[in-house]
Amino acid sequence: MRNIGVLETQQTLEGKIPNIGTAPLLVASGYSWETHGDDWFSQPTGWLYLFQPEQYWDSLAERLSGHPSWEASGLHGNLRLQPVGDTYGWAEPREGNA
């Protein structure tokens, strides 16, 4: 944790919440979706792996719902987020990999 800048000193027990970019957000959300299916938003494992506590989930969900490869819907006040098409369809293939 210290090596990646989350914890600053040897004595620090609590660190900063890392800001995550769009690609890590999409990968972590896709991982959570594929792991937990429709219920992934109640336990977003991928977000937790990126050290994102629950108080940040609403802002992450808002960012995710604004991305064209994800769609948001709500039924009876429950937010549902799911990928549009292939979970990782937004990613460009590396050169030489098709």
PDB file of N, CA and C in Angstrom:
ATOM      1  N   MET A   1       0.837  -1.187   0.000  1.00  0.00           N
ATOM      2  CA  MET A   1       0.000   0.000   0.000  1.00  0.00           C
ATOM      3  C   MET A   1       0.883   1.252   0.000  1.00  0.00           C
ATOM      4  N   ARG A   2       1.975   1.194   0.729  1.00  0.00           N
ATOM      5  CA  ARG A   2       2.869   2.351   0.753  1.00  0.00           C
ATOM      6  C   ARG A   2       3.547   2.530  -0.608  1.00  0.00           C
ATOM      7  N   ASN A   3       3.890   1.426  -1.251  1.00  0.00           N
ATOM      8  CA  ASN A   3       4.574   1.499  -2.537  1.00  0.00           C
ATOM      9  C   ASN A   3       3.735   2.158  -3.619  1.00  0.00           C
ATOM     10  N   ILE A   4       2.421   2.056  -3.521  1.00  0.00           N
ATOM     11  CA  ILE A   4       1.569   2.655  -4.551  1.00  0.00           C
ATOM     12  C   ILE A   4       0.959   3.976  -4.107  1.00  0.00           C
ATOM     13  N   GLY A   5       1.371   4.484  -2.935  1.00  0.00           N
ATOM     14  CA  GLY A   5       0.960   5.816  -2.517  1.00  0.00           C
ATOM     15  C   GLY A   5      -0.349   5.916  -1.769  1.00  0.00           C
ATOM     16  N   VAL A   6      -0.960   4.796  -1.412  1.00  0.00           N
ATOM     17  CA  VAL A   6      -2.210   4.861  -0.661  1.00  0.00           C
ATOM     18  C   VAL A   6      -1.918   5.219   0.792  1.00  0.00           C
ATOM     19  N   LEU A   7      -0.892   4.594   1.368  1.00  0.00           N
ATOM     20  CA  LEU A   7      -0.425   4.958   2.706  1.00  0.00           C
ATOM     21  C   LEU A   7       0.860   5.753   2.550  1.00  0.00           C
ATOM     22  N   GLU A   8       0.981   6.862   3.276  1.00  0.00           N
ATOM     23  CA  GLU A   8       2.098   7.772   3.052  1.00  0.00           C
ATOM     24  C   GLU A   8       3.337   7.472   3.885  1.00  0.00           C
ATOM     25  N   THR A   9       3.191   7.052   5.130  1.00  0.00           N
ATOM     26  CA  THR A   9       4.351   6.840   5.993  1.00  0.00           C
ATOM     27  C   THR A   9       4.247   5.486   6.678  1.00  0.00           C
ATOM     28  N   GLN A  10       5.319   5.101   7.357  1.00  0.00           N
ATOM     29  CA  GLN A  10       5.315   3.842   8.094  1.00  0.00           C
ATOM     30  C   GLN A  10       4.268   3.838   9.201  1.00  0.00           C
ATOM     31  N   GLN A  11       3.988   5.020   9.788  1.00  0.00           N
ATOM     32  CA  GLN A  11       3.051   5.102  10.897  1.00  0.00           C
ATOM     33  C   GLN A  11       1.601   5.261  10.457  1.00  0.00           C
ATOM     34  N   THR A  12       1.367   5.587   9.219  1.00  0.00           N
ATOM     35  CA  THR A  12       0.015   5.823   8.738  1.00  0.00           C
ATOM     36  C   THR A  12      -0.791   4.528   8.742  1.00  0.00           C
ATOM     37  N   LEU A  13      -1.947   4.578   9.361  1.00  0.00           N
ATOM     38  CA  LEU A  13      -2.842   3.421   9.364  1.00  0.00           C
ATOM     39  C   LEU A  13      -4.005   3.612   8.408  1.00  0.00           C
ATOM     40  N   GLU A  14      -4.326   4.862   8.107  1.00  0.00           N
ATOM     41  CA  GLU A  14      -5.397   5.157   7.167  1.00  0.00           C
ATOM     42  C   GLU A  14      -4.799   5.918   5.997  1.00  0.00           C
ATOM     43  N   GLY A  15      -5.242   5.592   4.810  1.00  0.00           N
ATOM     44  CA  GLY A  15      -4.687   6.223   3.626  1.00  0.00           C
ATOM     45  C   GLY A  15      -5.702   7.062   2.890  1.00  0.00           C
ATOM     46  N   LYS A  16      -5.252   7.591   1.764  1.00  0.00           N
ATOM     47  CA  LYS A  16      -6.120   8.373   0.893  1.00  0.00           C
ATOM     48  C   LYS A  16      -6.894   7.418  -0.010  1.00  0.00           C
ATOM     49  N   ILE A  17      -8.105   7.816  -0.336  1.00  0.00           N
ATOM     50  CA  ILE A  17      -8.892   7.039  -1.285  1.00  0.00           C
ATOM     51  C   ILE A  17      -8.346   7.352  -2.676  1.00  0.00           C
ATOM     52  N   PRO A  18      -7.860   6.351  -3.403  1.00  0.00           N
ATOM     53  CA  PRO A  18      -7.306   6.635  -4.718  1.00  0.00           C
ATOM     54  C   PRO A  18      -8.391   7.041  -5.714  1.00  0.00           C
ATOM     55  N   ASN A  19      -8.065   8.033  -6.521  1.00  0.00           N
ATOM     56  CA  ASN A  19      -8.947   8.394  -7.628  1.00  0.00           C
ATOM     57  C   ASN A  19      -8.716   7.373  -8.732  1.00  0.00           C
ATOM     58  N   ILE A  20      -9.788   6.939  -9.355  1.00  0.00           N
ATOM     59  CA  ILE A  20      -9.622   5.965 -10.431  1.00  0.00           C
ATOM     60  C   ILE A  20     -10.084   6.573 -11.748  1.00  0.00           C
ATOM     61  N   GLY A  21      -9.354   6.237 -12.790  1.00  0.00           N
ATOM     62  CA  GLY A  21      -9.687   6.719 -14.118  1.00  0.00           C
ATOM     63  C   GLY A  21     -10.814   5.908 -14.738  1.00  0.00           C
ATOM     64  N   THR A  22     -11.150   6.262 -15.957  1.00  0.00           N
ATOM     65  CA  THR A  22     -12.267   5.611 -16.636  1.00  0.00           C
ATOM     66  C   THR A  22     -11.994   4.137 -16.918  1.00  0.00           C
ATOM     67  N   ALA A  23     -10.820   3.817 -17.453  1.00  0.00           N
ATOM     68  CA  ALA A  23     -10.531   2.414 -17.780  1.00  0.00           C
ATOM     69  C   ALA A  23     -10.561   1.524 -16.536  1.00  0.00           C
ATOM     70  N   PRO A  24      -9.901   1.902 -15.423  1.00  0.00           N
ATOM     71  CA  PRO A  24     -10.017   1.053 -14.227  1.00  0.00           C
ATOM     72  C   PRO A  24     -11.453   0.938 -13.718  1.00  0.00           C
ATOM     73  N   LEU A  25     -12.229   2.020 -13.834  1.00  0.00           N
ATOM     74  CA  LEU A  25     -13.631   1.972 -13.414  1.00  0.00           C
ATOM     75  C   LEU A  25     -14.404   0.958 -14.254  1.00  0.00           C
ATOM     76  N   LEU A  26     -14.191   0.977 -15.560  1.00  0.00           N
ATOM     77  CA  LEU A  26     -14.892   0.057 -16.450  1.00  0.00           C
ATOM     78  C   LEU A  26     -14.465  -1.393 -16.221  1.00  0.00           C
ATOM     79  N   VAL A  27     -13.171  -1.605 -16.027  1.00  0.00           N
ATOM     80  CA  VAL A  27     -12.677  -2.964 -15.782  1.00  0.00           C
ATOM     81  C   VAL A  27     -13.216  -3.497 -14.458  1.00  0.00           C
ATOM     82  N   ALA A  28     -13.132  -2.684 -13.406  1.00  0.00           N
ATOM     83  CA  ALA A  28     -13.602  -3.115 -12.084  1.00  0.00           C
ATOM     84  C   ALA A  28     -15.109  -3.373 -12.087  1.00  0.00           C
ATOM     85  N   SER A  29     -15.849  -2.528 -12.782  1.00  0.00           N
ATOM     86  CA  SER A  29     -17.298  -2.711 -12.865  1.00  0.00           C
ATOM     87  C   SER A  29     -17.631  -3.959 -13.670  1.00  0.00           C
ATOM     88  N   GLY A  30     -16.909  -4.160 -14.768  1.00  0.00           N
ATOM     89  CA  GLY A  30     -17.112  -5.361 -15.574  1.00  0.00           C
ATOM     90  C   GLY A  30     -16.803  -6.627 -14.799  1.00  0.00           C
ATOM     91  N   TYR A  31     -15.732  -6.587 -14.026  1.00  0.00           N
ATOM     92  CA  TYR A  31     -15.387  -7.739 -13.187  1.00  0.00           C
ATOM     93  C   TYR A  31     -16.508  -8.028 -12.195  1.00  0.00           C
ATOM     94  N   SER A  32     -16.999  -6.982 -11.553  1.00  0.00           N
ATOM     95  CA  SER A  32     -18.083  -7.150 -10.581  1.00  0.00           C
ATOM     96  C   SER A  32     -19.328  -7.709 -11.255  1.00  0.00           C
ATOM     97  N   TRP A  33     -19.645  -7.183 -12.436  1.00  0.00           N
ATOM     98  CA  TRP A  33     -20.817  -7.648 -13.187  1.00  0.00           C
ATOM     99  C   TRP A  33     -20.683  -9.130 -13.522  1.00  0.00           C
ATOM    100  N   GLU A  34     -19.521  -9.525 -14.024  1.00  0.00           N
ATOM    101  CA  GLU A  34     -19.338 -10.919 -14.416  1.00  0.00           C
ATOM    102  C   GLU A  34     -19.281 -11.852 -13.207  1.00  0.00           C
ATOM    103  N   THR A  35     -18.855 -11.346 -12.062  1.00  0.00           N
ATOM    104  CA  THR A  35     -18.766 -12.163 -10.856  1.00  0.00           C
ATOM    105  C   THR A  35     -20.118 -12.334 -10.175  1.00  0.00           C
ATOM    106  N   HIS A  36     -20.895 -11.245 -10.093  1.00  0.00           N
ATOM    107  CA  HIS A  36     -22.128 -11.265  -9.302  1.00  0.00           C
ATOM    108  C   HIS A  36     -23.410 -11.090 -10.117  1.00  0.00           C
ATOM    109  N   GLY A  37     -23.311 -10.839 -11.406  1.00  0.00           N
ATOM    110  CA  GLY A  37     -24.506 -10.679 -12.231  1.00  0.00           C
ATOM    111  C   GLY A  37     -25.322  -9.457 -11.846  1.00  0.00           C
ATOM    112  N   ASP A  38     -26.630  -9.578 -11.926  1.00  0.00           N
ATOM    113  CA  ASP A  38     -27.522  -8.446 -11.676  1.00  0.00           C
ATOM    114  C   ASP A  38     -27.363  -7.838 -10.288  1.00  0.00           C
ATOM    115  N   ASP A  39     -26.891  -8.606  -9.336  1.00  0.00           N
ATOM    116  CA  ASP A  39     -26.745  -8.112  -7.964  1.00  0.00           C
ATOM    117  C   ASP A  39     -25.384  -7.478  -7.696  1.00  0.00           C
ATOM    118  N   TRP A  40     -24.590  -7.247  -8.731  1.00  0.00           N
ATOM    119  CA  TRP A  40     -23.223  -6.786  -8.528  1.00  0.00           C
ATOM    120  C   TRP A  40     -23.139  -5.454  -7.795  1.00  0.00           C
ATOM    121  N   PHE A  41     -24.131  -4.580  -7.990  1.00  0.00           N
ATOM    122  CA  PHE A  41     -24.050  -3.239  -7.403  1.00  0.00           C
ATOM    123  C   PHE A  41     -24.158  -3.276  -5.879  1.00  0.00           C
ATOM    124  N   SER A  42     -24.732  -4.325  -5.327  1.00  0.00           N
ATOM    125  CA  SER A  42     -24.811  -4.442  -3.864  1.00  0.00           C
ATOM    126  C   SER A  42     -23.491  -4.931  -3.269  1.00  0.00           C
ATOM    127  N   GLN A  43     -22.635  -5.490  -4.081  1.00  0.00           N
ATOM    128  CA  GLN A  43     -21.318  -5.946  -3.633  1.00  0.00           C
ATOM    129  C   GLN A  43     -20.310  -5.799  -4.774  1.00  0.00           C
ATOM    130  N   PRO A  44     -19.937  -4.563  -5.090  1.00  0.00           N
ATOM    131  CA  PRO A  44     -19.040  -4.313  -6.226  1.00  0.00           C
ATOM    132  C   PRO A  44     -17.589  -4.688  -5.915  1.00  0.00           C
ATOM    133  N   THR A  45     -17.306  -5.969  -6.016  1.00  0.00           N
ATOM    134  CA  THR A  45     -15.993  -6.495  -5.663  1.00  0.00           C
ATOM    135  C   THR A  45     -14.869  -5.749  -6.370  1.00  0.00           C
ATOM    136  N   GLY A  46     -15.051  -5.456  -7.640  1.00  0.00           N
ATOM    137  CA  GLY A  46     -14.020  -4.746  -8.391  1.00  0.00           C
ATOM    138  C   GLY A  46     -13.713  -3.377  -7.814  1.00  0.00           C
ATOM    139  N   TRP A  47     -14.728  -2.666  -7.371  1.00  0.00           N
ATOM    140  CA  TRP A  47     -14.509  -1.351  -6.758  1.00  0.00           C
ATOM    141  C   TRP A  47     -13.776  -1.499  -5.442  1.00  0.00           C
ATOM    142  N   LEU A  48     -14.122  -2.524  -4.685  1.00  0.00           N
ATOM    143  CA  LEU A  48     -13.443  -2.759  -3.403  1.00  0.00           C
ATOM    144  C   LEU A  48     -11.975  -3.101  -3.628  1.00  0.00           C
ATOM    145  N   TYR A  49     -11.670  -3.840  -4.691  1.00  0.00           N
ATOM    146  CA  TYR A  49     -10.274  -4.135  -5.017  1.00  0.00           C
ATOM    147  C   TYR A  49      -9.496  -2.860  -5.325  1.00  0.00           C
ATOM    148  N   LEU A  50     -10.193  -1.829  -5.762  1.00  0.00           N
ATOM    149  CA  LEU A  50      -9.552  -0.534  -6.035  1.00  0.00           C
ATOM    150  C   LEU A  50      -9.652   0.409  -4.840  1.00  0.00           C
ATOM    151  N   PHE A  51      -9.972  -0.136  -3.666  1.00  0.00           N
ATOM    152  CA  PHE A  51     -10.021   0.625  -2.414  1.00  0.00           C
ATOM    153  C   PHE A  51     -11.057   1.737  -2.443  1.00  0.00           C
ATOM    154  N   GLN A  52     -12.219   1.455  -3.032  1.00  0.00           N
ATOM    155  CA  GLN A  52     -13.288   2.443  -3.105  1.00  0.00           C
ATOM    156  C   GLN A  52     -14.353   2.108  -2.060  1.00  0.00           C
ATOM    157  N   PRO A  53     -14.407   2.876  -0.958  1.00  0.00           N
ATOM    158  CA  PRO A  53     -15.399   2.590   0.087  1.00  0.00           C
ATOM    159  C   PRO A  53     -16.809   2.968  -0.354  1.00  0.00           C
ATOM    160  N   GLU A  54     -17.775   2.478   0.383  1.00  0.00           N
ATOM    161  CA  GLU A  54     -19.182   2.620   0.011  1.00  0.00           C
ATOM    162  C   GLU A  54     -19.615   4.066  -0.179  1.00  0.00           C
ATOM    163  N   GLN A  55     -19.050   4.994   0.564  1.00  0.00           N
ATOM    164  CA  GLN A  55     -19.491   6.385   0.411  1.00  0.00           C
ATOM    165  C   GLN A  55     -19.144   6.965  -0.968  1.00  0.00           C
ATOM    166  N   TYR A  56     -18.313   6.289  -1.759  1.00  0.00           N
ATOM    167  CA  TYR A  56     -17.965   6.757  -3.106  1.00  0.00           C
ATOM    168  C   TYR A  56     -18.749   6.040  -4.200  1.00  0.00           C
ATOM    169  N   TRP A  57     -19.528   5.036  -3.838  1.00  0.00           N
ATOM    170  CA  TRP A  57     -20.200   4.229  -4.850  1.00  0.00           C
ATOM    171  C   TRP A  57     -21.202   5.018  -5.669  1.00  0.00           C
ATOM    172  N   ASP A  58     -21.895   5.972  -5.078  1.00  0.00           N
ATOM    173  CA  ASP A  58     -22.870   6.759  -5.850  1.00  0.00           C
ATOM    174  C   ASP A  58     -22.187   7.553  -6.951  1.00  0.00           C
ATOM    175  N   SER A  59     -21.047   8.168  -6.640  1.00  0.00           N
ATOM    176  CA  SER A  59     -20.356   8.946  -7.671  1.00  0.00           C
ATOM    177  C   SER A  59     -19.760   8.029  -8.734  1.00  0.00           C
ATOM    178  N   LEU A  60     -19.293   6.853  -8.342  1.00  0.00           N
ATOM    179  CA  LEU A  60     -18.789   5.896  -9.331  1.00  0.00           C
ATOM    180  C   LEU A  60     -19.922   5.406 -10.226  1.00  0.00           C
ATOM    181  N   ALA A  61     -21.078   5.141  -9.631  1.00  0.00           N
ATOM    182  CA  ALA A  61     -22.242   4.700 -10.407  1.00  0.00           C
ATOM    183  C   ALA A  61     -22.679   5.783 -11.383  1.00  0.00           C
ATOM    184  N   GLU A  62     -22.625   7.035 -10.952  1.00  0.00           N
ATOM    185  CA  GLU A  62     -22.993   8.140 -11.842  1.00  0.00           C
ATOM    186  C   GLU A  62     -22.034   8.224 -13.020  1.00  0.00           C
ATOM    187  N   ARG A  63     -20.743   8.097 -12.748  1.00  0.00           N
ATOM    188  CA  ARG A  63     -19.756   8.105 -13.833  1.00  0.00           C
ATOM    189  C   ARG A  63     -19.985   6.936 -14.781  1.00  0.00           C
ATOM    190  N   LEU A  64     -20.240   5.768 -14.218  1.00  0.00           N
ATOM    191  CA  LEU A  64     -20.439   4.570 -15.028  1.00  0.00           C
ATOM    192  C   LEU A  64     -21.694   4.690 -15.887  1.00  0.00           C
ATOM    193  N   SER A  65     -22.767   5.219 -15.324  1.00  0.00           N
ATOM    194  CA  SER A  65     -24.020   5.342 -16.077  1.00  0.00           C
ATOM    195  C   SER A  65     -23.897   6.345 -17.218  1.00  0.00           C
ATOM    196  N   GLY A  66     -22.941   7.254 -17.122  1.00  0.00           N
ATOM    197  CA  GLY A  66     -22.720   8.222 -18.190  1.00  0.00           C
ATOM    198  C   GLY A  66     -21.844   7.698 -19.317  1.00  0.00           C
ATOM    199  N   HIS A  67     -21.293   6.520 -19.155  1.00  0.00           N
ATOM    200  CA  HIS A  67     -20.431   5.952 -20.195  1.00  0.00           C
ATOM    201  C   HIS A  67     -21.298   5.212 -21.214  1.00  0.00           C
ATOM    202  N   PRO A  68     -20.998   5.366 -22.510  1.00  0.00           N
ATOM    203  CA  PRO A  68     -21.854   4.751 -23.535  1.00  0.00           C
ATOM    204  C   PRO A  68     -21.871   3.219 -23.522  1.00  0.00           C
ATOM    205  N   SER A  69     -20.902   2.580 -22.888  1.00  0.00           N
ATOM    206  CA  SER A  69     -20.899   1.116 -22.882  1.00  0.00           C
ATOM    207  C   SER A  69     -21.662   0.526 -21.696  1.00  0.00           C
ATOM    208  N   TRP A  70     -22.255   1.393 -20.856  1.00  0.00           N
ATOM    209  CA  TRP A  70     -23.062   0.936 -19.719  1.00  0.00           C
ATOM    210  C   TRP A  70     -24.402   1.635 -19.752  1.00  0.00           C
ATOM    211  N   GLU A  71     -25.417   0.963 -19.239  1.00  0.00           N
ATOM    212  CA  GLU A  71     -26.734   1.577 -19.146  1.00  0.00           C
ATOM    213  C   GLU A  71     -27.250   1.472 -17.720  1.00  0.00           C
ATOM    214  N   ALA A  72     -27.990   2.477 -17.338  1.00  0.00           N
ATOM    215  CA  ALA A  72     -28.573   2.519 -15.998  1.00  0.00           C
ATOM    216  C   ALA A  72     -30.084   2.508 -16.126  1.00  0.00           C
ATOM    217  N   SER A  73     -30.714   1.815 -15.220  1.00  0.00           N
ATOM    218  CA  SER A  73     -32.169   1.829 -15.144  1.00  0.00           C
ATOM    219  C   SER A  73     -32.539   1.744 -13.675  1.00  0.00           C
ATOM    220  N   GLY A  74     -33.722   2.213 -13.376  1.00  0.00           N
ATOM    221  CA  GLY A  74     -34.177   2.164 -11.992  1.00  0.00           C
ATOM    222  C   GLY A  74     -35.576   1.612 -11.925  1.00  0.00           C
ATOM    223  N   LEU A  75     -35.800   0.737 -10.992  1.00  0.00           N
ATOM    224  CA  LEU A  75     -37.112   0.158 -10.788  1.00  0.00           C
ATOM    225  C   LEU A  75     -37.407   0.209  -9.300  1.00  0.00           C
ATOM    226  N   HIS A  76     -38.445   0.944  -8.947  1.00  0.00           N
ATOM    227  CA  HIS A  76     -38.836   1.093  -7.543  1.00  0.00           C
ATOM    228  C   HIS A  76     -37.690   1.640  -6.691  1.00  0.00           C
ATOM    229  N   GLY A  77     -36.946   2.578  -7.251  1.00  0.00           N
ATOM    230  CA  GLY A  77     -35.868   3.211  -6.501  1.00  0.00           C
ATOM    231  C   GLY A  77     -34.567   2.436  -6.456  1.00  0.00           C
ATOM    232  N   ASN A  78     -34.520   1.270  -7.078  1.00  0.00           N
ATOM    233  CA  ASN A  78     -33.289   0.484  -7.107  1.00  0.00           C
ATOM    234  C   ASN A  78     -32.544   0.749  -8.403  1.00  0.00           C
ATOM    235  N   LEU A  79     -31.308   1.184  -8.283  1.00  0.00           N
ATOM    236  CA  LEU A  79     -30.486   1.437  -9.453  1.00  0.00           C
ATOM    237  C   LEU A  79     -29.956   0.114  -9.985  1.00  0.00           C
ATOM    238  N   ARG A  80     -30.031  -0.027 -11.286  1.00  0.00           N
ATOM    239  CA  ARG A  80     -29.474  -1.202 -11.941  1.00  0.00           C
ATOM    240  C   ARG A  80     -28.528  -0.719 -13.026  1.00  0.00           C
ATOM    241  N   LEU A  81     -27.305  -1.184 -12.980  1.00  0.00           N
ATOM    242  CA  LEU A  81     -26.293  -0.855 -13.978  1.00  0.00           C
ATOM    243  C   LEU A  81     -25.860  -2.143 -14.656  1.00  0.00           C
ATOM    244  N   GLN A  82     -25.781  -2.084 -15.977  1.00  0.00           N
ATOM    245  CA  GLN A  82     -25.328  -3.263 -16.707  1.00  0.00           C
ATOM    246  C   GLN A  82     -24.647  -2.827 -17.994  1.00  0.00           C
ATOM    247  N   PRO A  83     -23.719  -3.652 -18.466  1.00  0.00           N
ATOM    248  CA  PRO A  83     -23.036  -3.303 -19.709  1.00  0.00           C
ATOM    249  C   PRO A  83     -23.975  -3.418 -20.903  1.00  0.00           C
ATOM    250  N   VAL A  84     -23.708  -2.612 -21.893  1.00  0.00           N
ATOM    251  CA  VAL A  84     -24.428  -2.682 -23.160  1.00  0.00           C
ATOM    252  C   VAL A  84     -23.605  -3.599 -24.060  1.00  0.00           C
ATOM    253  N   GLY A  85     -24.140  -4.743 -24.387  1.00  0.00           N
ATOM    254  CA  GLY A  85     -23.389  -5.687 -25.213  1.00  0.00           C
ATOM    255  C   GLY A  85     -22.291  -6.374 -24.416  1.00  0.00           C
ATOM    256  N   ASP A  86     -21.137  -6.556 -25.052  1.00  0.00           N
ATOM    257  CA  ASP A  86     -20.001  -7.235 -24.438  1.00  0.00           C
ATOM    258  C   ASP A  86     -19.453  -6.413 -23.272  1.00  0.00           C
ATOM    259  N   THR A  87     -19.186  -7.064 -22.159  1.00  0.00           N
ATOM    260  CA  THR A  87     -18.723  -6.374 -20.951  1.00  0.00           C
ATOM    261  C   THR A  87     -17.505  -5.507 -21.222  1.00  0.00           C
ATOM    262  N   TYR A  88     -16.567  -6.014 -21.998  1.00  0.00           N
ATOM    263  CA  TYR A  88     -15.333  -5.271 -22.267  1.00  0.00           C
ATOM    264  C   TYR A  88     -15.261  -4.808 -23.721  1.00  0.00           C
ATOM    265  N   GLY A  89     -16.415  -4.635 -24.342  1.00  0.00           N
ATOM    266  CA  GLY A  89     -16.464  -4.204 -25.732  1.00  0.00           C
ATOM    267  C   GLY A  89     -15.888  -2.818 -25.966  1.00  0.00           C
ATOM    268  N   TRP A  90     -15.823  -2.003 -24.943  1.00  0.00           N
ATOM    269  CA  TRP A  90     -15.278  -0.650 -25.043  1.00  0.00           C
ATOM    270  C   TRP A  90     -13.761  -0.660 -25.246  1.00  0.00           C
ATOM    271  N   ALA A  91     -13.095  -1.749 -24.863  1.00  0.00           N
ATOM    272  CA  ALA A  91     -11.631  -1.817 -24.928  1.00  0.00           C
ATOM    273  C   ALA A  91     -11.184  -2.074 -26.359  1.00  0.00           C
ATOM    274  N   GLU A  92     -10.164  -1.361 -26.767  1.00  0.00           N
ATOM    275  CA  GLU A  92      -9.600  -1.576 -28.095  1.00  0.00           C
ATOM    276  C   GLU A  92      -8.616  -2.734 -28.020  1.00  0.00           C
ATOM    277  N   PRO A  93      -8.680  -3.648 -28.986  1.00  0.00           N
ATOM    278  CA  PRO A  93      -7.733  -4.764 -28.948  1.00  0.00           C
ATOM    279  C   PRO A  93      -6.304  -4.272 -29.162  1.00  0.00           C
ATOM    280  N   ARG A  94      -5.380  -4.950 -28.497  1.00  0.00           N
ATOM    281  CA  ARG A  94      -3.971  -4.606 -28.692  1.00  0.00           C
ATOM    282  C   ARG A  94      -3.554  -4.997 -30.092  1.00  0.00           C
ATOM    283  N   GLU A  95      -2.597  -4.278 -30.620  1.00  0.00           N
ATOM    284  CA  GLU A  95      -2.114  -4.570 -31.958  1.00  0.00           C
ATOM    285  C   GLU A  95      -1.575  -5.996 -32.007  1.00  0.00           C
ATOM    286  N   GLY A  96      -1.972  -6.734 -33.012  1.00  0.00           N
ATOM    287  CA  GLY A  96      -1.556  -8.119 -33.147  1.00  0.00           C
ATOM    288  C   GLY A  96      -2.530  -9.096 -32.523  1.00  0.00           C
ATOM    289  N   ASN A  97      -3.461  -8.595 -31.719  1.00  0.00           N
ATOM    290  CA  ASN A  97      -4.482  -9.453 -31.103  1.00  0.00           C
ATOM    291  C   ASN A  97      -5.829  -9.110 -31.708  1.00  0.00           C
ATOM    292  N   ALA A  98      -6.453 -10.068 -32.315  1.00  0.00           N
ATOM    293  CA  ALA A  98      -7.760  -9.799 -32.909  1.00  0.00           C
ATOM    294  C   ALA A  98      -8.801 -10.725 -32.376  1.00  0.00           C
TER     295      ALA A  98
END
